[in-house]
PDB file of N, CA and C in Angstrom:
ATOM      1  N   UNK A   1    -100.944 -44.064  24.546  1.00  0.00           N
ATOM      2  CA  UNK A   1    -101.093 -43.010  23.589  1.00  0.00           C
ATOM      3  C   UNK A   1     -99.888 -42.932  22.656  1.00  0.00           C
ATOM      4  N   UNK A   2     -98.719 -43.192  23.179  1.00  0.00           N
ATOM      5  CA  UNK A   2     -97.509 -43.157  22.369  1.00  0.00           C
ATOM      6  C   UNK A   2     -97.562 -44.232  21.300  1.00  0.00           C
ATOM      7  N   UNK A   3     -98.096 -45.388  21.635  1.00  0.00           N
ATOM      8  CA  UNK A   3     -98.207 -46.478  20.676  1.00  0.00           C
ATOM      9  C   UNK A   3     -99.150 -46.099  19.541  1.00  0.00           C
ATOM     10  N   UNK A   4    -100.222 -45.397  19.871  1.00  0.00           N
ATOM     11  CA  UNK A   4    -101.171 -44.965  18.844  1.00  0.00           C
ATOM     12  C   UNK A   4    -100.513 -44.007  17.852  1.00  0.00           C
ATOM     13  N   UNK A   5     -99.684 -43.090  18.368  1.00  0.00           N
ATOM     14  CA  UNK A   5     -98.977 -42.150  17.497  1.00  0.00           C
ATOM     15  C   UNK A   5     -98.010 -42.884  16.575  1.00  0.00           C
ATOM     16  N   UNK A   6     -97.297 -43.843  17.104  1.00  0.00           N
ATOM     17  CA  UNK A   6     -96.338 -44.608  16.310  1.00  0.00           C
ATOM     18  C   UNK A   6     -97.067 -45.393  15.222  1.00  0.00           C
ATOM     19  N   UNK A   7     -98.206 -46.005  15.595  1.00  0.00           N
ATOM     20  CA  UNK A   7     -98.975 -46.763  14.614  1.00  0.00           C
ATOM     21  C   UNK A   7     -99.522 -45.844  13.518  1.00  0.00           C
ATOM     22  N   UNK A   8     -99.990 -44.671  13.909  1.00  0.00           N
ATOM     23  CA  UNK A   8    -100.506 -43.705  12.935  1.00  0.00           C
ATOM     24  C   UNK A   8     -99.390 -43.261  11.989  1.00  0.00           C
ATOM     25  N   UNK A   9     -98.211 -42.965  12.542  1.00  0.00           N
ATOM     26  CA  UNK A   9     -97.081 -42.556  11.710  1.00  0.00           C
ATOM     27  C   UNK A   9     -96.680 -43.680  10.761  1.00  0.00           C
ATOM     28  N   UNK A  10     -96.716 -44.910  11.255  1.00  0.00           N
ATOM     29  CA  UNK A  10     -96.374 -46.059  10.419  1.00  0.00           C
ATOM     30  C   UNK A  10     -97.373 -46.214   9.279  1.00  0.00           C
ATOM     31  N   UNK A  11     -98.669 -46.065   9.583  1.00  0.00           N
ATOM     32  CA  UNK A  11     -99.696 -46.145   8.542  1.00  0.00           C
ATOM     33  C   UNK A  11     -99.511 -45.053   7.500  1.00  0.00           C
ATOM     34  N   UNK A  12     -99.216 -43.837   7.954  1.00  0.00           N
ATOM     35  CA  UNK A  12     -99.005 -42.731   7.034  1.00  0.00           C
ATOM     36  C   UNK A  12     -97.772 -42.962   6.160  1.00  0.00           C
ATOM     37  N   UNK A  13     -96.710 -43.475   6.756  1.00  0.00           N
ATOM     38  CA  UNK A  13     -95.489 -43.759   5.997  1.00  0.00           C
ATOM     39  C   UNK A  13     -95.740 -44.841   4.961  1.00  0.00           C
ATOM     40  N   UNK A  14     -96.491 -45.865   5.324  1.00  0.00           N
ATOM     41  CA  UNK A  14     -96.806 -46.942   4.386  1.00  0.00           C
ATOM     42  C   UNK A  14     -97.686 -46.422   3.244  1.00  0.00           C
ATOM     43  N   UNK A  15     -98.636 -45.578   3.568  1.00  0.00           N
ATOM     44  CA  UNK A  15     -99.510 -45.009   2.540  1.00  0.00           C
ATOM     45  C   UNK A  15     -98.701 -44.136   1.583  1.00  0.00           C
ATOM     46  N   UNK A  16     -97.799 -43.359   2.143  1.00  0.00           N
ATOM     47  CA  UNK A  16     -96.959 -42.508   1.310  1.00  0.00           C
ATOM     48  C   UNK A  16     -96.056 -43.365   0.418  1.00  0.00           C
ATOM     49  N   UNK A  17     -95.509 -44.437   0.968  1.00  0.00           N
ATOM     50  CA  UNK A  17     -94.666 -45.321   0.179  1.00  0.00           C
ATOM     51  C   UNK A  17     -95.456 -45.956  -0.964  1.00  0.00           C
ATOM     52  N   UNK A  18     -96.689 -46.374  -0.686  1.00  0.00           N
ATOM     53  CA  UNK A  18     -97.530 -46.959  -1.740  1.00  0.00           C
ATOM     54  C   UNK A  18     -97.815 -45.931  -2.834  1.00  0.00           C
ATOM     55  N   UNK A  19     -98.065 -44.693  -2.448  1.00  0.00           N
ATOM     56  CA  UNK A  19     -98.316 -43.646  -3.433  1.00  0.00           C
ATOM     57  C   UNK A  19     -97.084 -43.409  -4.315  1.00  0.00           C
ATOM     58  N   UNK A  20     -95.921 -43.407  -3.682  1.00  0.00           N
ATOM     59  CA  UNK A  20     -94.691 -43.207  -4.441  1.00  0.00           C
ATOM     60  C   UNK A  20     -94.462 -44.372  -5.409  1.00  0.00           C
ATOM     61  N   UNK A  21     -94.718 -45.598  -4.946  1.00  0.00           N
ATOM     62  CA  UNK A  21     -94.554 -46.762  -5.809  1.00  0.00           C
ATOM     63  C   UNK A  21     -95.539 -46.716  -6.977  1.00  0.00           C
ATOM     64  N   UNK A  22     -96.766 -46.306  -6.702  1.00  0.00           N
ATOM     65  CA  UNK A  22     -97.769 -46.198  -7.757  1.00  0.00           C
ATOM     66  C   UNK A  22     -97.370 -45.127  -8.775  1.00  0.00           C
ATOM     67  N   UNK A  23     -96.857 -44.016  -8.271  1.00  0.00           N
ATOM     68  CA  UNK A  23     -96.401 -42.948  -9.160  1.00  0.00           C
ATOM     69  C   UNK A  23     -95.245 -43.439 -10.029  1.00  0.00           C
ATOM     70  N   UNK A  24     -94.324 -44.177  -9.450  1.00  0.00           N
ATOM     71  CA  UNK A  24     -93.194 -44.727 -10.191  1.00  0.00           C
ATOM     72  C   UNK A  24     -93.671 -45.695 -11.270  1.00  0.00           C
ATOM     73  N   UNK A  25     -94.607 -46.564 -10.916  1.00  0.00           N
ATOM     74  CA  UNK A  25     -95.153 -47.505 -11.892  1.00  0.00           C
ATOM     75  C   UNK A  25     -95.836 -46.763 -13.033  1.00  0.00           C
ATOM     76  N   UNK A  26     -96.588 -45.728 -12.704  1.00  0.00           N
ATOM     77  CA  UNK A  26     -97.286 -44.947 -13.721  1.00  0.00           C
ATOM     78  C   UNK A  26     -96.289 -44.249 -14.644  1.00  0.00           C
ATOM     79  N   UNK A  27     -95.227 -43.718 -14.076  1.00  0.00           N
ATOM     80  CA  UNK A  27     -94.198 -43.067 -14.884  1.00  0.00           C
ATOM     81  C   UNK A  27     -93.529 -44.061 -15.823  1.00  0.00           C
ATOM     82  N   UNK A  28     -93.205 -45.236 -15.312  1.00  0.00           N
ATOM     83  CA  UNK A  28     -92.578 -46.265 -16.134  1.00  0.00           C
ATOM     84  C   UNK A  28     -93.515 -46.703 -17.256  1.00  0.00           C
ATOM     85  N   UNK A  29     -94.789 -46.837 -16.948  1.00  0.00           N
ATOM     86  CA  UNK A  29     -95.772 -47.218 -17.954  1.00  0.00           C
ATOM     87  C   UNK A  29     -95.872 -46.146 -19.043  1.00  0.00           C
ATOM     88  N   UNK A  30     -95.904 -44.891 -18.632  1.00  0.00           N
ATOM     89  CA  UNK A  30     -95.989 -43.796 -19.607  1.00  0.00           C
ATOM     90  C   UNK A  30     -94.768 -43.781 -20.519  1.00  0.00           C
ATOM     91  N   UNK A  31     -93.586 -43.970 -19.942  1.00  0.00           N
ATOM     92  CA  UNK A  31     -92.365 -43.990 -20.751  1.00  0.00           C
ATOM     93  C   UNK A  31     -92.374 -45.161 -21.719  1.00  0.00           C
ATOM     94  N   UNK A  32     -92.813 -46.311 -21.237  1.00  0.00           N
ATOM     95  CA  UNK A  32     -92.867 -47.492 -22.100  1.00  0.00           C
ATOM     96  C   UNK A  32     -93.827 -47.272 -23.251  1.00  0.00           C
ATOM     97  N   UNK A  33     -94.986 -46.708 -22.958  1.00  0.00           N
ATOM     98  CA  UNK A  33     -95.961 -46.428 -24.013  1.00  0.00           C
ATOM     99  C   UNK A  33     -95.395 -45.436 -25.021  1.00  0.00           C
ATOM    100  N   UNK A  34     -94.680 -44.435 -24.538  1.00  0.00           N
ATOM    101  CA  UNK A  34     -94.103 -43.441 -25.440  1.00  0.00           C
ATOM    102  C   UNK A  34     -93.060 -44.077 -26.351  1.00  0.00           C
ATOM    103  N   UNK A  35     -92.253 -44.977 -25.803  1.00  0.00           N
ATOM    104  CA  UNK A  35     -91.248 -45.651 -26.618  1.00  0.00           C
ATOM    105  C   UNK A  35     -91.893 -46.549 -27.662  1.00  0.00           C
ATOM    106  N   UNK A  36     -92.960 -47.231 -27.268  1.00  0.00           N
ATOM    107  CA  UNK A  36     -93.642 -48.125 -28.211  1.00  0.00           C
ATOM    108  C   UNK A  36     -94.280 -47.322 -29.334  1.00  0.00           C
ATOM    109  N   UNK A  37     -94.806 -46.146 -29.018  1.00  0.00           N
ATOM    110  CA  UNK A  37     -95.496 -45.328 -30.006  1.00  0.00           C
ATOM    111  C   UNK A  37     -94.560 -44.475 -30.850  1.00  0.00           C
ATOM    112  N   UNK A  38     -93.259 -44.460 -30.514  1.00  0.00           N
ATOM    113  CA  UNK A  38     -92.291 -43.673 -31.259  1.00  0.00           C
ATOM    114  C   UNK A  38     -91.799 -44.483 -32.451  1.00  0.00           C
ATOM    115  N   UNK A  39     -91.820 -43.904 -33.628  1.00  0.00           N
ATOM    116  CA  UNK A  39     -91.323 -44.626 -34.806  1.00  0.00           C
ATOM    117  C   UNK A  39     -89.861 -45.042 -34.612  1.00  0.00           C
ATOM    118  N   UNK A  40     -89.496 -46.212 -35.126  1.00  0.00           N
ATOM    119  CA  UNK A  40     -88.166 -46.751 -34.863  1.00  0.00           C
ATOM    120  C   UNK A  40     -87.010 -45.863 -35.326  1.00  0.00           C
ATOM    121  N   UNK A  41     -87.157 -45.179 -36.437  1.00  0.00           N
ATOM    122  CA  UNK A  41     -86.055 -44.379 -36.950  1.00  0.00           C
ATOM    123  C   UNK A  41     -85.880 -43.035 -36.288  1.00  0.00           C
ATOM    124  N   UNK A  42     -86.828 -42.596 -35.503  1.00  0.00           N
ATOM    125  CA  UNK A  42     -86.764 -41.244 -34.957  1.00  0.00           C
ATOM    126  C   UNK A  42     -85.626 -41.080 -33.954  1.00  0.00           C
ATOM    127  N   UNK A  43     -85.322 -42.130 -33.190  1.00  0.00           N
ATOM    128  CA  UNK A  43     -84.204 -42.039 -32.237  1.00  0.00           C
ATOM    129  C   UNK A  43     -82.894 -41.876 -32.999  1.00  0.00           C
ATOM    130  N   UNK A  44     -82.752 -42.629 -34.061  1.00  0.00           N
ATOM    131  CA  UNK A  44     -81.527 -42.573 -34.850  1.00  0.00           C
ATOM    132  C   UNK A  44     -81.399 -41.202 -35.509  1.00  0.00           C
ATOM    133  N   UNK A  45     -82.496 -40.699 -36.043  1.00  0.00           N
ATOM    134  CA  UNK A  45     -82.471 -39.387 -36.689  1.00  0.00           C
ATOM    135  C   UNK A  45     -82.113 -38.294 -35.684  1.00  0.00           C
ATOM    136  N   UNK A  46     -82.654 -38.373 -34.498  1.00  0.00           N
ATOM    137  CA  UNK A  46     -82.356 -37.376 -33.463  1.00  0.00           C
ATOM    138  C   UNK A  46     -80.878 -37.441 -33.071  1.00  0.00           C
ATOM    139  N   UNK A  47     -80.350 -38.641 -32.886  1.00  0.00           N
ATOM    140  CA  UNK A  47     -78.936 -38.787 -32.552  1.00  0.00           C
ATOM    141  C   UNK A  47     -78.060 -38.250 -33.671  1.00  0.00           C
ATOM    142  N   UNK A  48     -78.448 -38.507 -34.918  1.00  0.00           N
ATOM    143  CA  UNK A  48     -77.686 -38.008 -36.058  1.00  0.00           C
ATOM    144  C   UNK A  48     -77.679 -36.483 -36.078  1.00  0.00           C
ATOM    145  N   UNK A  49     -78.833 -35.870 -35.827  1.00  0.00           N
ATOM    146  CA  UNK A  49     -78.905 -34.409 -35.771  1.00  0.00           C
ATOM    147  C   UNK A  49     -77.991 -33.855 -34.682  1.00  0.00           C
ATOM    148  N   UNK A  50     -78.027 -34.469 -33.511  1.00  0.00           N
ATOM    149  CA  UNK A  50     -77.200 -34.000 -32.402  1.00  0.00           C
ATOM    150  C   UNK A  50     -75.716 -34.133 -32.729  1.00  0.00           C
ATOM    151  N   UNK A  51     -75.338 -35.251 -33.353  1.00  0.00           N
ATOM    152  CA  UNK A  51     -73.941 -35.445 -33.734  1.00  0.00           C
ATOM    153  C   UNK A  51     -73.505 -34.433 -34.792  1.00  0.00           C
ATOM    154  N   UNK A  52     -74.383 -34.145 -35.747  1.00  0.00           N
ATOM    155  CA  UNK A  52     -74.056 -33.161 -36.783  1.00  0.00           C
ATOM    156  C   UNK A  52     -73.865 -31.776 -36.168  1.00  0.00           C
ATOM    157  N   UNK A  53     -74.709 -31.409 -35.234  1.00  0.00           N
ATOM    158  CA  UNK A  53     -74.590 -30.109 -34.566  1.00  0.00           C
ATOM    159  C   UNK A  53     -73.275 -30.042 -33.803  1.00  0.00           C
ATOM    160  N   UNK A  54     -72.964 -31.113 -33.083  1.00  0.00           N
ATOM    161  CA  UNK A  54     -71.723 -31.161 -32.315  1.00  0.00           C
ATOM    162  C   UNK A  54     -70.509 -31.050 -33.244  1.00  0.00           C
ATOM    163  N   UNK A  55     -70.540 -31.774 -34.350  1.00  0.00           N
ATOM    164  CA  UNK A  55     -69.443 -31.732 -35.304  1.00  0.00           C
ATOM    165  C   UNK A  55     -69.287 -30.327 -35.902  1.00  0.00           C
ATOM    166  N   UNK A  56     -70.406 -29.706 -36.239  1.00  0.00           N
ATOM    167  CA  UNK A  56     -70.366 -28.349 -36.793  1.00  0.00           C
ATOM    168  C   UNK A  56     -69.762 -27.373 -35.786  1.00  0.00           C
ATOM    169  N   UNK A  57     -70.129 -27.504 -34.523  1.00  0.00           N
ATOM    170  CA  UNK A  57     -69.591 -26.623 -33.497  1.00  0.00           C
ATOM    171  C   UNK A  57     -68.086 -26.828 -33.338  1.00  0.00           C
ATOM    172  N   UNK A  58     -67.645 -28.081 -33.393  1.00  0.00           N
ATOM    173  CA  UNK A  58     -66.213 -28.360 -33.280  1.00  0.00           C
ATOM    174  C   UNK A  58     -65.450 -27.773 -34.461  1.00  0.00           C
ATOM    175  N   UNK A  59     -66.016 -27.884 -35.670  1.00  0.00           N
ATOM    176  CA  UNK A  59     -65.376 -27.317 -36.851  1.00  0.00           C
ATOM    177  C   UNK A  59     -65.292 -25.799 -36.751  1.00  0.00           C
ATOM    178  N   UNK A  60     -66.355 -25.168 -36.256  1.00  0.00           N
ATOM    179  CA  UNK A  60     -66.341 -23.716 -36.101  1.00  0.00           C
ATOM    180  C   UNK A  60     -65.297 -23.289 -35.071  1.00  0.00           C
ATOM    181  N   UNK A  61     -65.179 -24.044 -33.983  1.00  0.00           N
ATOM    182  CA  UNK A  61     -64.173 -23.736 -32.972  1.00  0.00           C
ATOM    183  C   UNK A  61     -62.769 -23.898 -33.541  1.00  0.00           C
ATOM    184  N   UNK A  62     -62.558 -24.941 -34.348  1.00  0.00           N
ATOM    185  CA  UNK A  62     -61.265 -25.173 -34.966  1.00  0.00           C
ATOM    186  C   UNK A  62     -60.920 -24.034 -35.921  1.00  0.00           C
ATOM    187  N   UNK A  63     -61.874 -23.626 -36.739  1.00  0.00           N
ATOM    188  CA  UNK A  63     -61.641 -22.522 -37.664  1.00  0.00           C
ATOM    189  C   UNK A  63     -61.304 -21.238 -36.909  1.00  0.00           C
ATOM    190  N   UNK A  64     -62.032 -20.975 -35.843  1.00  0.00           N
ATOM    191  CA  UNK A  64     -61.787 -19.767 -35.052  1.00  0.00           C
ATOM    192  C   UNK A  64     -60.401 -19.821 -34.422  1.00  0.00           C
ATOM    193  N   UNK A  65     -60.038 -20.992 -33.930  1.00  0.00           N
ATOM    194  CA  UNK A  65     -58.719 -21.165 -33.322  1.00  0.00           C
ATOM    195  C   UNK A  65     -57.615 -20.955 -34.359  1.00  0.00           C
ATOM    196  N   UNK A  66     -57.796 -21.533 -35.543  1.00  0.00           N
ATOM    197  CA  UNK A  66     -56.806 -21.368 -36.606  1.00  0.00           C
ATOM    198  C   UNK A  66     -56.704 -19.907 -37.028  1.00  0.00           C
ATOM    199  N   UNK A  67     -57.818 -19.228 -37.129  1.00  0.00           N
ATOM    200  CA  UNK A  67     -57.832 -17.819 -37.493  1.00  0.00           C
ATOM    201  C   UNK A  67     -57.089 -16.983 -36.451  1.00  0.00           C
ATOM    202  N   UNK A  68     -57.342 -17.249 -35.187  1.00  0.00           N
ATOM    203  CA  UNK A  68     -56.679 -16.505 -34.109  1.00  0.00           C
ATOM    204  C   UNK A  68     -55.173 -16.741 -34.129  1.00  0.00           C
ATOM    205  N   UNK A  69     -54.758 -17.994 -34.331  1.00  0.00           N
ATOM    206  CA  UNK A  69     -53.328 -18.301 -34.375  1.00  0.00           C
ATOM    207  C   UNK A  69     -52.660 -17.621 -35.566  1.00  0.00           C
ATOM    208  N   UNK A  70     -53.326 -17.687 -36.712  1.00  0.00           N
ATOM    209  CA  UNK A  70     -52.763 -17.061 -37.911  1.00  0.00           C
ATOM    210  C   UNK A  70     -52.616 -15.554 -37.706  1.00  0.00           C
ATOM    211  N   UNK A  71     -53.638 -14.951 -37.138  1.00  0.00           N
ATOM    212  CA  UNK A  71     -53.599 -13.511 -36.895  1.00  0.00           C
ATOM    213  C   UNK A  71     -52.479 -13.172 -35.917  1.00  0.00           C
ATOM    214  N   UNK A  72     -52.282 -14.000 -34.901  1.00  0.00           N
ATOM    215  CA  UNK A  72     -51.229 -13.752 -33.925  1.00  0.00           C
ATOM    216  C   UNK A  72     -49.856 -13.882 -34.564  1.00  0.00           C
ATOM    217  N   UNK A  73     -49.691 -14.866 -35.463  1.00  0.00           N
ATOM    218  CA  UNK A  73     -48.405 -15.065 -36.125  1.00  0.00           C
ATOM    219  C   UNK A  73     -48.071 -13.893 -37.043  1.00  0.00           C
ATOM    220  N   UNK A  74     -49.074 -13.351 -37.709  1.00  0.00           N
ATOM    221  CA  UNK A  74     -48.869 -12.247 -38.635  1.00  0.00           C
ATOM    222  C   UNK A  74     -48.756 -10.930 -37.876  1.00  0.00           C
ATOM    223  N   UNK A  75     -49.267 -10.911 -36.670  1.00  0.00           N
ATOM    224  CA  UNK A  75     -49.212  -9.698 -35.866  1.00  0.00           C
ATOM    225  C   UNK A  75     -50.450  -8.840 -35.978  1.00  0.00           C
ATOM    226  N   UNK A  76     -51.531  -9.411 -36.479  1.00  0.00           N
ATOM    227  CA  UNK A  76     -52.788  -8.681 -36.581  1.00  0.00           C
ATOM    228  C   UNK A  76     -53.587  -8.857 -35.304  1.00  0.00           C
ATOM    229  N   UNK A  77     -54.455  -7.902 -34.983  1.00  0.00           N
ATOM    230  CA  UNK A  77     -55.334  -8.113 -33.826  1.00  0.00           C
ATOM    231  C   UNK A  77     -56.246  -9.304 -34.100  1.00  0.00           C
ATOM    232  N   UNK A  78     -56.512 -10.081 -33.083  1.00  0.00           N
ATOM    233  CA  UNK A  78     -57.330 -11.279 -33.259  1.00  0.00           C
ATOM    234  C   UNK A  78     -58.760 -10.897 -33.577  1.00  0.00           C
ATOM    235  N   UNK A  79     -59.457 -11.809 -34.249  1.00  0.00           N
ATOM    236  CA  UNK A  79     -60.855 -11.569 -34.619  1.00  0.00           C
ATOM    237  C   UNK A  79     -61.730 -11.453 -33.392  1.00  0.00           C
ATOM    238  N   UNK A  80     -61.360 -12.171 -32.322  1.00  0.00           N
ATOM    239  CA  UNK A  80     -62.168 -12.142 -31.094  1.00  0.00           C
ATOM    240  C   UNK A  80     -62.142 -10.752 -30.469  1.00  0.00           C
ATOM    241  N   UNK A  81     -60.925 -10.100 -30.422  1.00  0.00           N
ATOM    242  CA  UNK A  81     -60.865  -8.804 -29.777  1.00  0.00           C
ATOM    243  C   UNK A  81     -61.518  -7.717 -30.618  1.00  0.00           C
ATOM    244  N   UNK A  82     -61.552  -7.893 -31.952  1.00  0.00           N
ATOM    245  CA  UNK A  82     -62.205  -6.908 -32.796  1.00  0.00           C
ATOM    246  C   UNK A  82     -63.722  -7.020 -32.747  1.00  0.00           C
ATOM    247  N   UNK A  83     -64.221  -8.183 -32.322  1.00  0.00           N
ATOM    248  CA  UNK A  83     -65.677  -8.379 -32.219  1.00  0.00           C
ATOM    249  C   UNK A  83     -66.227  -7.783 -30.936  1.00  0.00           C
ATOM    250  N   UNK A  84     -65.390  -7.588 -29.927  1.00  0.00           N
ATOM    251  CA  UNK A  84     -65.854  -7.082 -28.632  1.00  0.00           C
ATOM    252  C   UNK A  84     -66.265  -5.667 -28.668  1.00  0.00           C
TER     253      UNK A  84
END
């Protein structure tokens, strides 16, 4: 009886492994199809948008930092504390 349980567990594990492999193959196929159907320039445009957003955020942080330092040097309350 113990051998039957082990064989059943082995069959179930193998079936589960096959299902996982099939799911992985299906996912890879879907991703490949999506990449093939995506226009070539769209990846570049998306990366450019992300870089522009990042650059804008860095510039805003730099401006805020410069404003805070200038205010501290002059002895004015910082813009951050007046916004709170």
